[in-house]
Amino acid sequence: MEEAHLVTMDKYGRVRLPKNMVRKLKTRRFLAKRLENGILLVPITEKNLEELFDSIEVDIDPRVFAEGYEALKKTVLGREP
């Protein structure tokens, strides 16, 4: 659903967006892209890194874990310890 509002810029270059528009976006960070005839604001959402826990399974010999971080890193990257 498209929504349009008339906004103004103050002398410091700040633009205030309507509260109801910002709430729907659920972010306060934007990528500002200058276009030929305007500015495009693209919302940037924060990724919750906890959502990635247990999202990848790897089959690694438990002995590699016991050898330490460098051995584990070499195994995961495809280089034998």
N, C-alpha and C. Protein backbone atom coordinates (compact mmCIF):
# COMPACT_ATOMS: atom_id res chain seq x y z
N MET A 1 0.83 -1.17 0.00
CA MET A 1 0.00 0.00 0.00
C MET A 1 0.88 1.24 0.00
N GLU A 2 0.70 2.10 -0.95
CA GLU A 2 1.48 3.32 -1.02
C GLU A 2 0.83 4.40 -0.18
N GLU A 3 1.68 5.22 0.40
CA GLU A 3 1.23 6.29 1.26
C GLU A 3 2.09 7.50 0.95
N ALA A 4 1.51 8.66 0.84
CA ALA A 4 2.27 9.87 0.52
C ALA A 4 1.93 10.97 1.52
N HIS A 5 2.95 11.68 1.96
CA HIS A 5 2.79 12.79 2.89
C HIS A 5 3.69 13.94 2.44
N LEU A 6 3.24 15.13 2.62
CA LEU A 6 4.05 16.31 2.35
C LEU A 6 4.88 16.59 3.59
N VAL A 7 6.20 16.60 3.45
CA VAL A 7 7.10 16.87 4.57
C VAL A 7 8.03 18.02 4.19
N THR A 8 8.63 18.63 5.19
CA THR A 8 9.56 19.73 4.94
C THR A 8 10.92 19.40 5.54
N MET A 9 11.93 20.11 5.08
CA MET A 9 13.29 19.93 5.57
C MET A 9 13.67 21.20 6.33
N ASP A 10 14.29 21.05 7.52
CA ASP A 10 14.72 22.23 8.25
C ASP A 10 16.08 22.70 7.74
N LYS A 11 16.58 23.78 8.32
CA LYS A 11 17.82 24.37 7.81
C LYS A 11 19.04 23.48 8.04
N TYR A 12 18.90 22.44 8.86
CA TYR A 12 20.00 21.50 9.11
C TYR A 12 19.90 20.26 8.22
N GLY A 13 18.91 20.20 7.35
CA GLY A 13 18.74 19.07 6.45
C GLY A 13 17.93 17.92 7.03
N ARG A 14 17.30 18.15 8.16
CA ARG A 14 16.50 17.09 8.79
C ARG A 14 15.10 17.07 8.22
N VAL A 15 14.62 15.88 7.95
CA VAL A 15 13.26 15.68 7.45
C VAL A 15 12.52 14.86 8.49
N ARG A 16 11.36 15.33 8.91
CA ARG A 16 10.55 14.58 9.88
C ARG A 16 9.49 13.82 9.14
N LEU A 17 9.45 12.51 9.39
CA LEU A 17 8.44 11.65 8.78
C LEU A 17 7.27 11.50 9.75
N PRO A 18 6.06 11.36 9.24
CA PRO A 18 4.90 11.18 10.12
C PRO A 18 5.05 9.92 10.98
N LYS A 19 4.63 10.03 12.23
CA LYS A 19 4.79 8.95 13.20
C LYS A 19 4.14 7.65 12.72
N ASN A 20 2.94 7.75 12.15
CA ASN A 20 2.25 6.52 11.72
C ASN A 20 3.00 5.82 10.59
N MET A 21 3.71 6.58 9.77
CA MET A 21 4.50 5.98 8.69
C MET A 21 5.73 5.28 9.25
N VAL A 22 6.38 5.90 10.21
CA VAL A 22 7.59 5.33 10.80
C VAL A 22 7.25 4.07 11.60
N ARG A 23 6.14 4.08 12.31
CA ARG A 23 5.74 2.90 13.09
C ARG A 23 5.55 1.68 12.21
N LYS A 24 4.97 1.88 11.04
CA LYS A 24 4.74 0.76 10.13
C LYS A 24 6.04 0.19 9.59
N LEU A 25 7.07 1.02 9.49
CA LEU A 25 8.36 0.56 8.97
C LEU A 25 9.17 -0.19 10.02
N LYS A 26 8.93 0.09 11.30
CA LYS A 26 9.60 -0.58 12.42
C LYS A 26 11.11 -0.44 12.38
N THR A 27 11.61 0.73 11.95
CA THR A 27 13.04 1.01 11.98
C THR A 27 13.25 2.51 12.04
N ARG A 28 14.44 2.89 12.48
CA ARG A 28 14.80 4.31 12.50
C ARG A 28 16.04 4.56 11.64
N ARG A 29 16.49 3.54 10.92
CA ARG A 29 17.67 3.66 10.05
C ARG A 29 17.25 3.52 8.60
N PHE A 30 17.80 4.38 7.77
CA PHE A 30 17.46 4.39 6.35
C PHE A 30 18.71 4.58 5.52
N LEU A 31 18.71 4.02 4.34
CA LEU A 31 19.71 4.29 3.34
C LEU A 31 19.15 5.42 2.49
N ALA A 32 19.87 6.55 2.43
CA ALA A 32 19.41 7.69 1.63
C ALA A 32 20.15 7.63 0.30
N LYS A 33 19.39 7.52 -0.77
CA LYS A 33 19.98 7.41 -2.10
C LYS A 33 19.55 8.62 -2.93
N ARG A 34 20.54 9.35 -3.42
CA ARG A 34 20.24 10.52 -4.24
C ARG A 34 19.96 10.06 -5.66
N LEU A 35 18.80 10.42 -6.16
CA LEU A 35 18.41 10.11 -7.53
C LEU A 35 18.57 11.36 -8.38
N GLU A 36 18.36 11.22 -9.66
CA GLU A 36 18.50 12.35 -10.57
C GLU A 36 17.57 13.50 -10.19
N ASN A 37 16.35 13.17 -9.78
CA ASN A 37 15.39 14.23 -9.48
C ASN A 37 14.77 14.08 -8.10
N GLY A 38 15.48 13.47 -7.14
CA GLY A 38 14.92 13.32 -5.82
C GLY A 38 15.79 12.48 -4.90
N ILE A 39 15.21 12.07 -3.80
CA ILE A 39 15.89 11.26 -2.80
C ILE A 39 15.01 10.07 -2.48
N LEU A 40 15.61 8.90 -2.40
CA LEU A 40 14.89 7.69 -2.04
C LEU A 40 15.39 7.24 -0.68
N LEU A 41 14.48 7.02 0.27
CA LEU A 41 14.82 6.50 1.58
C LEU A 41 14.42 5.03 1.64
N VAL A 42 15.40 4.17 1.87
CA VAL A 42 15.15 2.73 1.94
C VAL A 42 15.35 2.29 3.39
N PRO A 43 14.32 1.74 4.04
CA PRO A 43 14.47 1.33 5.43
C PRO A 43 15.45 0.17 5.59
N ILE A 44 16.25 0.25 6.64
CA ILE A 44 17.21 -0.81 6.95
C ILE A 44 16.75 -1.46 8.24
N THR A 45 16.42 -2.72 8.18
CA THR A 45 15.96 -3.43 9.36
C THR A 45 17.12 -4.18 10.00
N GLU A 46 17.12 -4.20 11.30
CA GLU A 46 18.15 -4.90 12.04
C GLU A 46 17.84 -6.40 12.04
N LYS A 47 18.84 -7.20 11.85
CA LYS A 47 18.67 -8.65 11.88
C LYS A 47 18.93 -9.15 13.29
N ASN A 48 18.01 -9.94 13.82
CA ASN A 48 18.19 -10.55 15.12
C ASN A 48 19.07 -11.78 14.93
N LEU A 49 20.32 -11.71 15.38
CA LEU A 49 21.26 -12.80 15.14
C LEU A 49 20.88 -14.08 15.87
N GLU A 50 20.06 -13.99 16.90
CA GLU A 50 19.62 -15.18 17.60
C GLU A 50 18.76 -16.08 16.71
N GLU A 51 18.16 -15.51 15.67
CA GLU A 51 17.36 -16.31 14.74
C GLU A 51 18.24 -17.28 13.95
N LEU A 52 19.54 -17.00 13.89
CA LEU A 52 20.45 -17.84 13.11
C LEU A 52 20.99 -19.02 13.91
N PHE A 53 20.82 -19.02 15.24
CA PHE A 53 21.32 -20.13 16.05
C PHE A 53 20.68 -21.43 15.59
N ASP A 54 21.49 -22.46 15.48
CA ASP A 54 21.05 -23.80 15.07
C ASP A 54 20.45 -23.83 13.67
N SER A 55 20.81 -22.87 12.83
CA SER A 55 20.26 -22.86 11.48
C SER A 55 21.14 -23.63 10.50
N ILE A 56 22.36 -23.99 10.93
CA ILE A 56 23.29 -24.73 10.07
C ILE A 56 23.81 -25.93 10.84
N GLU A 57 23.81 -27.05 10.17
CA GLU A 57 24.37 -28.25 10.77
C GLU A 57 25.62 -28.65 10.00
N VAL A 58 26.68 -28.96 10.72
CA VAL A 58 27.92 -29.40 10.09
C VAL A 58 28.32 -30.74 10.70
N ASP A 59 28.94 -31.58 9.89
CA ASP A 59 29.39 -32.88 10.35
C ASP A 59 30.91 -32.82 10.49
N ILE A 60 31.36 -32.55 11.70
CA ILE A 60 32.79 -32.42 11.97
C ILE A 60 33.16 -33.40 13.08
N ASP A 61 34.27 -34.04 12.88
CA ASP A 61 34.78 -35.00 13.87
C ASP A 61 34.97 -34.28 15.22
N PRO A 62 34.42 -34.82 16.30
CA PRO A 62 34.55 -34.18 17.62
C PRO A 62 36.00 -33.95 18.05
N ARG A 63 36.92 -34.76 17.52
CA ARG A 63 38.33 -34.57 17.87
C ARG A 63 38.87 -33.24 17.37
N VAL A 64 38.31 -32.75 16.25
CA VAL A 64 38.74 -31.47 15.71
C VAL A 64 38.38 -30.35 16.69
N PHE A 65 37.21 -30.45 17.34
CA PHE A 65 36.84 -29.46 18.35
C PHE A 65 37.84 -29.45 19.50
N ALA A 66 38.28 -30.64 19.88
CA ALA A 66 39.22 -30.75 21.00
C ALA A 66 40.59 -30.17 20.65
N GLU A 67 40.95 -30.16 19.37
CA GLU A 67 42.26 -29.65 18.96
C GLU A 67 42.35 -28.14 19.06
N GLY A 68 41.23 -27.44 19.04
CA GLY A 68 41.26 -25.99 19.19
C GLY A 68 40.69 -25.26 17.99
N TYR A 69 40.67 -23.94 18.13
CA TYR A 69 40.02 -23.09 17.15
C TYR A 69 40.67 -23.16 15.77
N GLU A 70 42.00 -23.12 15.71
CA GLU A 70 42.69 -23.10 14.40
C GLU A 70 42.39 -24.37 13.61
N ALA A 71 42.39 -25.52 14.27
CA ALA A 71 42.07 -26.78 13.58
C ALA A 71 40.63 -26.77 13.10
N LEU A 72 39.72 -26.26 13.93
CA LEU A 72 38.31 -26.19 13.54
C LEU A 72 38.15 -25.26 12.35
N LYS A 73 38.82 -24.11 12.37
CA LYS A 73 38.73 -23.15 11.27
C LYS A 73 39.23 -23.77 9.97
N LYS A 74 40.34 -24.47 10.01
CA LYS A 74 40.89 -25.11 8.80
C LYS A 74 39.92 -26.17 8.26
N THR A 75 39.30 -26.92 9.16
CA THR A 75 38.37 -27.96 8.73
C THR A 75 37.12 -27.35 8.10
N VAL A 76 36.58 -26.33 8.73
CA VAL A 76 35.36 -25.70 8.19
C VAL A 76 35.64 -25.04 6.85
N LEU A 77 36.81 -24.43 6.69
CA LEU A 77 37.15 -23.76 5.44
C LEU A 77 37.62 -24.73 4.36
N GLY A 78 37.70 -26.02 4.69
CA GLY A 78 38.05 -27.02 3.69
C GLY A 78 39.53 -27.35 3.61
N ARG A 79 40.31 -26.86 4.56
CA ARG A 79 41.73 -27.19 4.61
C ARG A 79 41.95 -28.13 5.79
N GLU A 80 42.58 -29.23 5.55
CA GLU A 80 42.81 -30.20 6.60
C GLU A 80 43.78 -29.66 7.64
N PRO A 81 43.57 -29.98 8.92
CA PRO A 81 44.48 -29.50 9.99
C PRO A 81 45.82 -30.17 9.92
